[in-house]
Amino acid sequence: MKNQKELKVVGAKCSMAYDVCNELILDASIGPRKSCEKELAVNHLNQLCPQTDILVFDRGYPALWLMGLLEKRGFKYCFRLSTAWKDAVSSVSGNETDIDWSGKRRSDKDLGKLREYNLPLEICGLRLVSIELSTGEKEVLATNLTDRSNFDIDTLKELYHLRWGVEESYKMLKQVAQVEYFTGKTVLAIKQDFYSRIFTLNMASMVATQGLYKHKQEKEKKNKYKVKPNKTQVLAKTKDFLVEIFYTVNPRKLLEQMIKLLEKCFEIIRPNRSFPRPNTATRRHHKHTNSKGI
């Protein structure tokens, strides 16, 4: 692809199904830059379980055919709708903030996908919920979680808020794990680098959530604030110990040594923080970030 200076840049698109509760990447893929993110999301479904998983999608994913396909496979889901869904957004304006809804075909592109997956032209039994944020902005959620006794508006708000963990995972993948710095130029080398970083991130997450769990409890007893392990430090130490862990006869000893080094790498959780988004209208060629790669 070409940028503003007509310089050719190699680009790719990656996608992953992320478990926000256990902080694990359940499935990941990398493909051509022009790949459809909705189709990449469909490819993750074989690794997910309809009986236990609730799928939460950002504003780039809503499509009638995707909702119908998830219904067909028995998944529970929650989409945030963009302002392009004018009929749906206008339906929950004013005092009507929680209504029953039926999704109808919006374009010929939807028609092609509906026929491809043998889906009906109208998806019934859905629900629209409008939630007002602290900034005054309203987010509209489309979901098939129609049981209002178990999933009231506050619960759906909390459910969608959990999706922010996906953004944090992409931040770790790009800025800390530096997935864009490849060691080779072939397709095989790029895939090896990509999936090795995914594997390392999952290893680091297991160390943070399982290995440091007791130390986390002890820290919270002494402090009045909740704490969490510093993910950058955990990833760095996991990367240092990773090869030795798999080649040593007694990996427990190395794991205990690594956890001992990470005992002091905790930071306070500061909830409800918010920062204004940077103005991307005037983009710079060199972006400076506070995060450092490892």
C-alpha atoms as a PDB file:
ATOM      1  CA  MET A   1       0.000   0.000   0.000  1.00  0.00           C
ATOM      2  CA  LYS A   2       1.067   3.641  -0.430  1.00  0.00           C
ATOM      3  CA  ASN A   3       1.138   6.388   2.187  1.00  0.00           C
ATOM      4  CA  GLN A   4       0.894  10.181   1.824  1.00  0.00           C
ATOM      5  CA  LYS A   5       4.444  10.393   0.447  1.00  0.00           C
ATOM      6  CA  GLU A   6       3.711   7.719  -2.177  1.00  0.00           C
ATOM      7  CA  LEU A   7       6.046   5.367  -0.344  1.00  0.00           C
ATOM      8  CA  LYS A   8       5.199   1.697  -0.656  1.00  0.00           C
ATOM      9  CA  VAL A   9       4.605  -0.022   2.682  1.00  0.00           C
ATOM     10  CA  VAL A  10       3.867  -3.673   3.299  1.00  0.00           C
ATOM     11  CA  GLY A  11       0.667  -4.080   5.317  1.00  0.00           C
ATOM     12  CA  ALA A  12      -1.262  -6.939   6.877  1.00  0.00           C
ATOM     13  CA  LYS A  13      -4.417  -7.393   8.943  1.00  0.00           C
ATOM     14  CA  CYS A  14      -4.541  -9.486  12.082  1.00  0.00           C
ATOM     15  CA  SER A  15      -7.511 -10.626  14.119  1.00  0.00           C
ATOM     16  CA  MET A  16      -7.932 -12.452  17.396  1.00  0.00           C
ATOM     17  CA  ALA A  17     -10.602 -13.843  19.681  1.00  0.00           C
ATOM     18  CA  TYR A  18      -9.686 -12.586  23.142  1.00  0.00           C
ATOM     19  CA  ASP A  19     -10.898 -13.913  26.490  1.00  0.00           C
ATOM     20  CA  VAL A  20     -11.303 -10.695  28.494  1.00  0.00           C
ATOM     21  CA  CYS A  21     -11.904 -12.545  31.777  1.00  0.00           C
ATOM     22  CA  ASN A  22      -8.800 -14.754  31.705  1.00  0.00           C
ATOM     23  CA  GLU A  23      -6.710 -12.392  29.540  1.00  0.00           C
ATOM     24  CA  LEU A  24      -5.887 -15.085  26.993  1.00  0.00           C
ATOM     25  CA  ILE A  25      -5.841 -15.027  23.184  1.00  0.00           C
ATOM     26  CA  LEU A  26      -8.026 -17.987  22.232  1.00  0.00           C
ATOM     27  CA  ASP A  27      -7.391 -17.777  18.500  1.00  0.00           C
ATOM     28  CA  ALA A  28      -5.419 -15.450  16.229  1.00  0.00           C
ATOM     29  CA  SER A  29      -4.791 -15.059  12.510  1.00  0.00           C
ATOM     30  CA  ILE A  30      -2.871 -12.802  10.152  1.00  0.00           C
ATOM     31  CA  GLY A  31      -3.742 -12.249   6.506  1.00  0.00           C
ATOM     32  CA  PRO A  32      -3.696  -9.764   3.614  1.00  0.00           C
ATOM     33  CA  ARG A  33      -4.449  -6.119   4.424  1.00  0.00           C
ATOM     34  CA  LYS A  34      -7.624  -6.201   2.337  1.00  0.00           C
ATOM     35  CA  SER A  35      -9.077  -9.121   4.311  1.00  0.00           C
ATOM     36  CA  CYS A  36     -12.576  -8.583   5.686  1.00  0.00           C
ATOM     37  CA  GLU A  37     -12.464  -8.331   9.476  1.00  0.00           C
ATOM     38  CA  LYS A  38     -15.931  -9.884   9.679  1.00  0.00           C
ATOM     39  CA  GLU A  39     -14.756 -12.948   7.750  1.00  0.00           C
ATOM     40  CA  LEU A  40     -11.705 -13.183   9.997  1.00  0.00           C
ATOM     41  CA  ALA A  41     -14.056 -13.128  12.989  1.00  0.00           C
ATOM     42  CA  VAL A  42     -16.093 -15.973  11.461  1.00  0.00           C
ATOM     43  CA  ASN A  43     -12.927 -18.078  11.220  1.00  0.00           C
ATOM     44  CA  HIS A  44     -12.515 -17.801  15.004  1.00  0.00           C
ATOM     45  CA  LEU A  45     -15.912 -19.366  15.723  1.00  0.00           C
ATOM     46  CA  ASN A  46     -14.649 -22.943  15.388  1.00  0.00           C
ATOM     47  CA  GLN A  47     -12.376 -22.342  18.397  1.00  0.00           C
ATOM     48  CA  LEU A  48     -15.180 -20.910  20.563  1.00  0.00           C
ATOM     49  CA  CYS A  49     -18.023 -22.545  22.488  1.00  0.00           C
ATOM     50  CA  PRO A  50     -21.659 -21.398  22.061  1.00  0.00           C
ATOM     51  CA  GLN A  51     -22.615 -22.811  25.474  1.00  0.00           C
ATOM     52  CA  THR A  52     -20.100 -20.786  27.484  1.00  0.00           C
ATOM     53  CA  ASP A  53     -18.948 -17.794  25.402  1.00  0.00           C
ATOM     54  CA  ILE A  54     -20.656 -14.419  24.950  1.00  0.00           C
ATOM     55  CA  LEU A  55     -19.182 -12.578  21.965  1.00  0.00           C
ATOM     56  CA  VAL A  56     -18.748  -8.796  22.204  1.00  0.00           C
ATOM     57  CA  PHE A  57     -18.051  -6.798  19.032  1.00  0.00           C
ATOM     58  CA  ASP A  58     -16.981  -3.215  18.379  1.00  0.00           C
ATOM     59  CA  ARG A  59     -18.580  -0.801  15.891  1.00  0.00           C
ATOM     60  CA  GLY A  60     -16.654  -2.177  12.902  1.00  0.00           C
ATOM     61  CA  TYR A  61     -18.312  -5.603  13.017  1.00  0.00           C
ATOM     62  CA  PRO A  62     -22.131  -5.222  12.938  1.00  0.00           C
ATOM     63  CA  ALA A  63     -23.728  -6.848   9.899  1.00  0.00           C
ATOM     64  CA  LEU A  64     -27.069  -8.565   9.535  1.00  0.00           C
ATOM     65  CA  TRP A  65     -25.507 -11.663   7.998  1.00  0.00           C
ATOM     66  CA  LEU A  66     -23.004 -11.966  10.872  1.00  0.00           C
ATOM     67  CA  MET A  67     -25.800 -11.683  13.439  1.00  0.00           C
ATOM     68  CA  GLY A  68     -27.759 -14.344  11.567  1.00  0.00           C
ATOM     69  CA  LEU A  69     -24.746 -16.652  11.373  1.00  0.00           C
ATOM     70  CA  LEU A  70     -24.120 -16.327  15.107  1.00  0.00           C
ATOM     71  CA  GLU A  71     -27.793 -17.081  15.764  1.00  0.00           C
ATOM     72  CA  LYS A  72     -27.549 -20.124  13.508  1.00  0.00           C
ATOM     73  CA  ARG A  73     -24.540 -21.440  15.425  1.00  0.00           C
ATOM     74  CA  GLY A  74     -26.137 -20.776  18.800  1.00  0.00           C
ATOM     75  CA  PHE A  75     -23.892 -17.959  20.067  1.00  0.00           C
ATOM     76  CA  LYS A  76     -24.920 -15.165  22.410  1.00  0.00           C
ATOM     77  CA  TYR A  77     -23.554 -11.815  21.277  1.00  0.00           C
ATOM     78  CA  CYS A  78     -23.518  -8.066  21.776  1.00  0.00           C
ATOM     79  CA  PHE A  79     -22.676  -5.553  19.034  1.00  0.00           C
ATOM     80  CA  ARG A  80     -22.131  -1.842  19.365  1.00  0.00           C
ATOM     81  CA  LEU A  81     -23.799  -0.108  16.420  1.00  0.00           C
ATOM     82  CA  SER A  82     -22.257   2.838  14.633  1.00  0.00           C
ATOM     83  CA  THR A  83     -24.208   5.927  13.592  1.00  0.00           C
ATOM     84  CA  ALA A  84     -24.495   4.369  10.090  1.00  0.00           C
ATOM     85  CA  TRP A  85     -27.332   2.237  11.493  1.00  0.00           C
ATOM     86  CA  LYS A  86     -29.674   5.219  11.393  1.00  0.00           C
ATOM     87  CA  ASP A  87     -32.954   3.317  11.734  1.00  0.00           C
ATOM     88  CA  ALA A  88     -31.757   1.361  14.761  1.00  0.00           C
ATOM     89  CA  VAL A  89     -30.146   4.368  16.462  1.00  0.00           C
ATOM     90  CA  SER A  90     -33.251   6.522  15.967  1.00  0.00           C
ATOM     91  CA  SER A  91     -35.445   3.737  17.413  1.00  0.00           C
ATOM     92  CA  VAL A  92     -33.864   4.100  20.860  1.00  0.00           C
ATOM     93  CA  SER A  93     -33.752   7.885  20.989  1.00  0.00           C
ATOM     94  CA  GLY A  94     -35.613   9.751  23.686  1.00  0.00           C
ATOM     95  CA  ASN A  95     -37.233   7.764  26.494  1.00  0.00           C
ATOM     96  CA  GLU A  96     -37.162   4.447  24.640  1.00  0.00           C
ATOM     97  CA  THR A  97     -33.773   3.088  25.733  1.00  0.00           C
ATOM     98  CA  ASP A  98     -34.499  -0.649  25.769  1.00  0.00           C
ATOM     99  CA  ILE A  99     -36.716  -2.142  23.051  1.00  0.00           C
ATOM    100  CA  ASP A 100     -37.269  -5.385  21.153  1.00  0.00           C
ATOM    101  CA  TRP A 101     -35.936  -5.210  17.601  1.00  0.00           C
ATOM    102  CA  SER A 102     -35.805  -7.103  14.317  1.00  0.00           C
ATOM    103  CA  GLY A 103     -32.855  -6.620  11.981  1.00  0.00           C
ATOM    104  CA  LYS A 104     -33.631  -6.254   8.289  1.00  0.00           C
ATOM    105  CA  ARG A 105     -31.422  -6.340   5.189  1.00  0.00           C
ATOM    106  CA  ARG A 106     -29.703  -2.994   4.652  1.00  0.00           C
ATOM    107  CA  SER A 107     -27.730  -3.515   1.413  1.00  0.00           C
ATOM    108  CA  ASP A 108     -27.120  -5.852  -1.523  1.00  0.00           C
ATOM    109  CA  LYS A 109     -23.871  -6.857   0.139  1.00  0.00           C
ATOM    110  CA  ASP A 110     -25.890  -8.241   3.034  1.00  0.00           C
ATOM    111  CA  LEU A 111     -28.077 -10.100   0.538  1.00  0.00           C
ATOM    112  CA  GLY A 112     -25.088 -11.904  -0.959  1.00  0.00           C
ATOM    113  CA  LYS A 113     -23.814 -13.017   2.433  1.00  0.00           C
ATOM    114  CA  LEU A 114     -27.288 -14.041   3.594  1.00  0.00           C
ATOM    115  CA  ARG A 115     -27.609 -16.295   0.563  1.00  0.00           C
ATOM    116  CA  GLU A 116     -24.079 -17.653   0.976  1.00  0.00           C
ATOM    117  CA  TYR A 117     -24.753 -18.774   4.547  1.00  0.00           C
ATOM    118  CA  ASN A 118     -28.422 -19.688   3.869  1.00  0.00           C
ATOM    119  CA  LEU A 119     -29.818 -17.124   6.317  1.00  0.00           C
ATOM    120  CA  PRO A 120     -33.231 -15.397   6.468  1.00  0.00           C
ATOM    121  CA  LEU A 121     -33.663 -11.820   5.233  1.00  0.00           C
ATOM    122  CA  GLU A 122     -34.837 -10.695   8.680  1.00  0.00           C
ATOM    123  CA  ILE A 123     -33.348 -11.572  12.073  1.00  0.00           C
ATOM    124  CA  CYS A 124     -36.026 -11.482  14.772  1.00  0.00           C
ATOM    125  CA  GLY A 125     -35.853 -11.706  18.540  1.00  0.00           C
ATOM    126  CA  LEU A 126     -33.134  -9.075  19.017  1.00  0.00           C
ATOM    127  CA  ARG A 127     -32.858  -6.225  21.485  1.00  0.00           C
ATOM    128  CA  LEU A 128     -31.671  -2.621  21.200  1.00  0.00           C
ATOM    129  CA  VAL A 129     -30.273  -0.795  24.222  1.00  0.00           C
ATOM    130  CA  SER A 130     -29.135   2.819  24.416  1.00  0.00           C
ATOM    131  CA  ILE A 131     -26.573   3.651  27.106  1.00  0.00           C
ATOM    132  CA  GLU A 132     -25.467   7.178  27.963  1.00  0.00           C
ATOM    133  CA  LEU A 133     -21.758   7.509  28.732  1.00  0.00           C
ATOM    134  CA  SER A 134     -20.148   9.936  31.152  1.00  0.00           C
ATOM    135  CA  THR A 135     -19.077  12.080  28.176  1.00  0.00           C
ATOM    136  CA  GLY A 136     -22.708  12.533  27.119  1.00  0.00           C
ATOM    137  CA  GLU A 137     -22.253  10.259  24.109  1.00  0.00           C
ATOM    138  CA  LYS A 138     -24.788   7.474  23.634  1.00  0.00           C
ATOM    139  CA  GLU A 139     -23.767   3.979  22.635  1.00  0.00           C
ATOM    140  CA  VAL A 140     -26.346   1.692  21.062  1.00  0.00           C
ATOM    141  CA  LEU A 141     -26.005  -2.053  21.612  1.00  0.00           C
ATOM    142  CA  ALA A 142     -27.703  -4.761  19.553  1.00  0.00           C
ATOM    143  CA  THR A 143     -27.870  -8.128  21.283  1.00  0.00           C
ATOM    144  CA  ASN A 144     -29.765 -11.400  21.512  1.00  0.00           C
ATOM    145  CA  LEU A 145     -29.468 -11.359  25.330  1.00  0.00           C
ATOM    146  CA  THR A 146     -33.180 -10.692  25.695  1.00  0.00           C
ATOM    147  CA  ASP A 147     -33.560 -11.940  29.282  1.00  0.00           C
ATOM    148  CA  ARG A 148     -33.935  -8.576  31.016  1.00  0.00           C
ATOM    149  CA  SER A 149     -33.993 -10.136  34.486  1.00  0.00           C
ATOM    150  CA  ASN A 150     -30.425 -11.398  34.072  1.00  0.00           C
ATOM    151  CA  PHE A 151     -29.169  -8.812  31.564  1.00  0.00           C
ATOM    152  CA  ASP A 152     -30.490  -5.391  32.501  1.00  0.00           C
ATOM    153  CA  ILE A 153     -29.050  -2.179  31.051  1.00  0.00           C
ATOM    154  CA  ASP A 154     -26.365  -1.849  33.739  1.00  0.00           C
ATOM    155  CA  THR A 155     -25.228  -5.430  33.145  1.00  0.00           C
ATOM    156  CA  LEU A 156     -24.985  -4.865  29.391  1.00  0.00           C
ATOM    157  CA  LYS A 157     -23.043  -1.670  30.025  1.00  0.00           C
ATOM    158  CA  GLU A 158     -20.570  -3.573  32.181  1.00  0.00           C
ATOM    159  CA  LEU A 159     -20.410  -6.381  29.613  1.00  0.00           C
ATOM    160  CA  TYR A 160     -19.473  -4.048  26.780  1.00  0.00           C
ATOM    161  CA  HIS A 161     -17.020  -2.185  28.993  1.00  0.00           C
ATOM    162  CA  LEU A 162     -15.082  -5.450  29.402  1.00  0.00           C
ATOM    163  CA  ARG A 163     -14.256  -5.250  25.689  1.00  0.00           C
ATOM    164  CA  TRP A 164     -11.621  -2.634  26.486  1.00  0.00           C
ATOM    165  CA  GLY A 165      -9.360  -5.554  27.428  1.00  0.00           C
ATOM    166  CA  VAL A 166      -9.138  -6.341  23.710  1.00  0.00           C
ATOM    167  CA  GLU A 167      -7.690  -2.887  23.024  1.00  0.00           C
ATOM    168  CA  GLU A 168      -5.148  -3.360  25.812  1.00  0.00           C
ATOM    169  CA  SER A 169      -4.141  -6.709  24.321  1.00  0.00           C
ATOM    170  CA  TYR A 170      -3.582  -5.151  20.883  1.00  0.00           C
ATOM    171  CA  LYS A 171      -1.519  -2.445  22.578  1.00  0.00           C
ATOM    172  CA  MET A 172       0.674  -5.090  24.201  1.00  0.00           C
ATOM    173  CA  LEU A 173       0.991  -6.962  20.908  1.00  0.00           C
ATOM    174  CA  LYS A 174       2.006  -3.908  18.872  1.00  0.00           C
ATOM    175  CA  GLN A 175       3.911  -1.643  21.234  1.00  0.00           C
ATOM    176  CA  VAL A 176       5.461  -3.985  23.810  1.00  0.00           C
ATOM    177  CA  ALA A 177       5.798  -7.291  21.953  1.00  0.00           C
ATOM    178  CA  GLN A 178       6.563  -5.266  18.777  1.00  0.00           C
ATOM    179  CA  VAL A 179       4.785  -7.632  16.420  1.00  0.00           C
ATOM    180  CA  GLU A 180       5.497  -5.330  13.474  1.00  0.00           C
ATOM    181  CA  TYR A 181       9.267  -5.939  13.725  1.00  0.00           C
ATOM    182  CA  PHE A 182       9.772  -9.168  11.795  1.00  0.00           C
ATOM    183  CA  THR A 183      12.966 -11.200  11.532  1.00  0.00           C
ATOM    184  CA  GLY A 184      12.364 -12.258   7.921  1.00  0.00           C
ATOM    185  CA  LYS A 185      10.650 -11.223   4.710  1.00  0.00           C
ATOM    186  CA  THR A 186       8.958 -14.462   3.659  1.00  0.00           C
ATOM    187  CA  VAL A 187       5.354 -15.334   4.475  1.00  0.00           C
ATOM    188  CA  LEU A 188       6.513 -18.265   6.626  1.00  0.00           C
ATOM    189  CA  ALA A 189       8.917 -16.084   8.632  1.00  0.00           C
ATOM    190  CA  ILE A 190       6.223 -13.464   9.267  1.00  0.00           C
ATOM    191  CA  LYS A 191       3.737 -16.097  10.427  1.00  0.00           C
ATOM    192  CA  GLN A 192       6.356 -17.670  12.699  1.00  0.00           C
ATOM    193  CA  ASP A 193       7.112 -14.295  14.301  1.00  0.00           C
ATOM    194  CA  PHE A 194       3.412 -13.470  14.662  1.00  0.00           C
ATOM    195  CA  TYR A 195       2.345 -16.729  16.301  1.00  0.00           C
ATOM    196  CA  SER A 196       5.436 -16.908  18.513  1.00  0.00           C
ATOM    197  CA  ARG A 197       4.508 -13.503  19.952  1.00  0.00           C
ATOM    198  CA  ILE A 198       0.920 -14.653  20.485  1.00  0.00           C
ATOM    199  CA  PHE A 199       2.240 -17.710  22.341  1.00  0.00           C
ATOM    200  CA  THR A 200       4.573 -15.588  24.480  1.00  0.00           C
ATOM    201  CA  LEU A 201       1.758 -13.176  25.374  1.00  0.00           C
ATOM    202  CA  ASN A 202      -0.401 -16.073  26.537  1.00  0.00           C
ATOM    203  CA  MET A 203       2.466 -17.491  28.603  1.00  0.00           C
ATOM    204  CA  ALA A 204       3.009 -14.099  30.235  1.00  0.00           C
ATOM    205  CA  SER A 205      -0.715 -13.761  30.922  1.00  0.00           C
ATOM    206  CA  MET A 206      -0.804 -17.152  32.671  1.00  0.00           C
ATOM    207  CA  VAL A 207       2.170 -16.142  34.806  1.00  0.00           C
ATOM    208  CA  ALA A 208       0.432 -12.874  35.747  1.00  0.00           C
ATOM    209  CA  THR A 209      -3.005 -14.327  36.501  1.00  0.00           C
ATOM    210  CA  GLN A 210      -1.985 -17.695  37.991  1.00  0.00           C
ATOM    211  CA  GLY A 211       1.625 -17.550  39.174  1.00  0.00           C
ATOM    212  CA  LEU A 212       1.322 -14.147  40.842  1.00  0.00           C
ATOM    213  CA  TYR A 213      -2.209 -14.622  42.205  1.00  0.00           C
ATOM    214  CA  LYS A 214      -1.156 -15.287  45.819  1.00  0.00           C
ATOM    215  CA  HIS A 215       1.255 -12.346  45.816  1.00  0.00           C
ATOM    216  CA  LYS A 216      -1.532 -10.161  44.412  1.00  0.00           C
ATOM    217  CA  GLN A 217      -3.815 -11.120  47.310  1.00  0.00           C
ATOM    218  CA  GLU A 218      -1.084 -10.352  49.849  1.00  0.00           C
ATOM    219  CA  LYS A 219      -0.438  -6.933  48.278  1.00  0.00           C
ATOM    220  CA  GLU A 220      -4.133  -6.034  48.371  1.00  0.00           C
ATOM    221  CA  LYS A 221      -4.377  -6.974  52.068  1.00  0.00           C
ATOM    222  CA  LYS A 222      -1.595  -4.512  52.899  1.00  0.00           C
ATOM    223  CA  ASN A 223      -2.804  -1.738  50.579  1.00  0.00           C
ATOM    224  CA  LYS A 224      -6.162  -0.001  50.425  1.00  0.00           C
ATOM    225  CA  TYR A 225      -6.085  -0.136  46.609  1.00  0.00           C
ATOM    226  CA  LYS A 226      -6.383  -3.111  44.302  1.00  0.00           C
ATOM    227  CA  VAL A 227      -3.247  -3.979  42.378  1.00  0.00           C
ATOM    228  CA  LYS A 228      -2.279  -5.840  39.222  1.00  0.00           C
ATOM    229  CA  PRO A 229       1.027  -7.132  37.809  1.00  0.00           C
ATOM    230  CA  ASN A 230       2.882  -4.850  35.434  1.00  0.00           C
ATOM    231  CA  LYS A 231       2.265  -6.584  32.115  1.00  0.00           C
ATOM    232  CA  THR A 232       5.382  -5.202  30.452  1.00  0.00           C
ATOM    233  CA  GLN A 233       7.641  -6.532  33.206  1.00  0.00           C
ATOM    234  CA  VAL A 234       5.885  -9.900  33.213  1.00  0.00           C
ATOM    235  CA  LEU A 235       6.271 -10.206  29.436  1.00  0.00           C
ATOM    236  CA  ALA A 236       9.938  -9.233  29.623  1.00  0.00           C
ATOM    237  CA  LYS A 237      10.733 -11.845  32.283  1.00  0.00           C
ATOM    238  CA  THR A 238       8.707 -14.509  30.454  1.00  0.00           C
ATOM    239  CA  LYS A 239      10.690 -13.827  27.312  1.00  0.00           C
ATOM    240  CA  ASP A 240      13.976 -14.128  29.241  1.00  0.00           C
ATOM    241  CA  PHE A 241      13.027 -17.445  30.870  1.00  0.00           C
ATOM    242  CA  LEU A 242      10.969 -18.967  28.046  1.00  0.00           C
ATOM    243  CA  VAL A 243      13.647 -21.099  26.343  1.00  0.00           C
ATOM    244  CA  GLU A 244      15.100 -22.369  29.620  1.00  0.00           C
ATOM    245  CA  ILE A 245      11.650 -23.344  30.895  1.00  0.00           C
ATOM    246  CA  PHE A 246      11.073 -25.708  27.969  1.00  0.00           C
ATOM    247  CA  TYR A 247      14.561 -27.208  27.940  1.00  0.00           C
ATOM    248  CA  THR A 248      15.226 -27.623  31.650  1.00  0.00           C
ATOM    249  CA  VAL A 249      14.578 -30.850  33.558  1.00  0.00           C
ATOM    250  CA  ASN A 250      12.977 -28.982  36.478  1.00  0.00           C
ATOM    251  CA  PRO A 251      10.905 -26.053  35.143  1.00  0.00           C
ATOM    252  CA  ARG A 252       9.295 -25.446  38.552  1.00  0.00           C
ATOM    253  CA  LYS A 253      12.560 -24.077  39.932  1.00  0.00           C
ATOM    254  CA  LEU A 254      12.864 -21.582  37.078  1.00  0.00           C
ATOM    255  CA  LEU A 255       9.228 -20.533  37.405  1.00  0.00           C
ATOM    256  CA  GLU A 256       9.664 -19.896  41.123  1.00  0.00           C
ATOM    257  CA  GLN A 257      12.776 -17.838  40.384  1.00  0.00           C
ATOM    258  CA  MET A 258      10.898 -15.790  37.769  1.00  0.00           C
ATOM    259  CA  ILE A 259       7.926 -15.224  40.084  1.00  0.00           C
ATOM    260  CA  LYS A 260      10.259 -14.087  42.851  1.00  0.00           C
ATOM    261  CA  LEU A 261      11.695 -11.436  40.529  1.00  0.00           C
ATOM    262  CA  LEU A 262       8.162 -10.282  39.680  1.00  0.00           C
ATOM    263  CA  GLU A 263       6.950  -9.970  43.281  1.00  0.00           C
ATOM    264  CA  LYS A 264       7.719  -6.247  43.295  1.00  0.00           C
ATOM    265  CA  CYS A 265       6.304  -5.565  39.834  1.00  0.00           C
ATOM    266  CA  PHE A 266       2.788  -4.599  40.874  1.00  0.00           C
ATOM    267  CA  GLU A 267       0.951  -1.377  40.128  1.00  0.00           C
ATOM    268  CA  ILE A 268      -2.192   0.210  41.542  1.00  0.00           C
ATOM    269  CA  ILE A 269      -5.433  -0.150  39.604  1.00  0.00           C
ATOM    270  CA  ARG A 270      -6.961   3.266  38.954  1.00  0.00           C
ATOM    271  CA  PRO A 271     -10.561   2.741  37.851  1.00  0.00           C
ATOM    272  CA  ASN A 272     -12.745   5.206  35.955  1.00  0.00           C
ATOM    273  CA  ARG A 273      -9.818   7.054  34.420  1.00  0.00           C
ATOM    274  CA  SER A 274     -10.402   8.693  31.057  1.00  0.00           C
ATOM    275  CA  PHE A 275      -8.263  10.712  28.688  1.00  0.00           C
ATOM    276  CA  PRO A 276      -9.227  12.664  25.571  1.00  0.00           C
ATOM    277  CA  ARG A 277      -8.379  10.935  22.336  1.00  0.00           C
ATOM    278  CA  PRO A 278      -5.554  12.532  20.341  1.00  0.00           C
ATOM    279  CA  ASN A 279      -6.418  14.558  17.268  1.00  0.00           C
ATOM    280  CA  THR A 280      -5.573  12.336  14.316  1.00  0.00           C
ATOM    281  CA  ALA A 281      -6.509  14.925  11.682  1.00  0.00           C
ATOM    282  CA  THR A 282      -2.893  16.062  11.428  1.00  0.00           C
ATOM    283  CA  ARG A 283      -0.901  12.859  11.503  1.00  0.00           C
ATOM    284  CA  ARG A 284       2.824  12.877  12.194  1.00  0.00           C
ATOM    285  CA  HIS A 285       5.277  10.606  10.467  1.00  0.00           C
ATOM    286  CA  HIS A 286       7.013   9.783  13.755  1.00  0.00           C
ATOM    287  CA  LYS A 287       4.767   8.953  16.690  1.00  0.00           C
ATOM    288  CA  HIS A 288       6.244   8.961  20.151  1.00  0.00           C
ATOM    289  CA  THR A 289       4.783   6.656  22.784  1.00  0.00           C
ATOM    290  CA  ASN A 290       5.591   6.087  26.438  1.00  0.00           C
ATOM    291  CA  SER A 291       5.628   2.329  25.968  1.00  0.00           C
ATOM    292  CA  LYS A 292       8.938   0.629  25.254  1.00  0.00           C
ATOM    293  CA  GLY A 293       9.376  -2.615  23.434  1.00  0.00           C
ATOM    294  CA  ILE A 294      11.138  -5.582  24.954  1.00  0.00           C
END
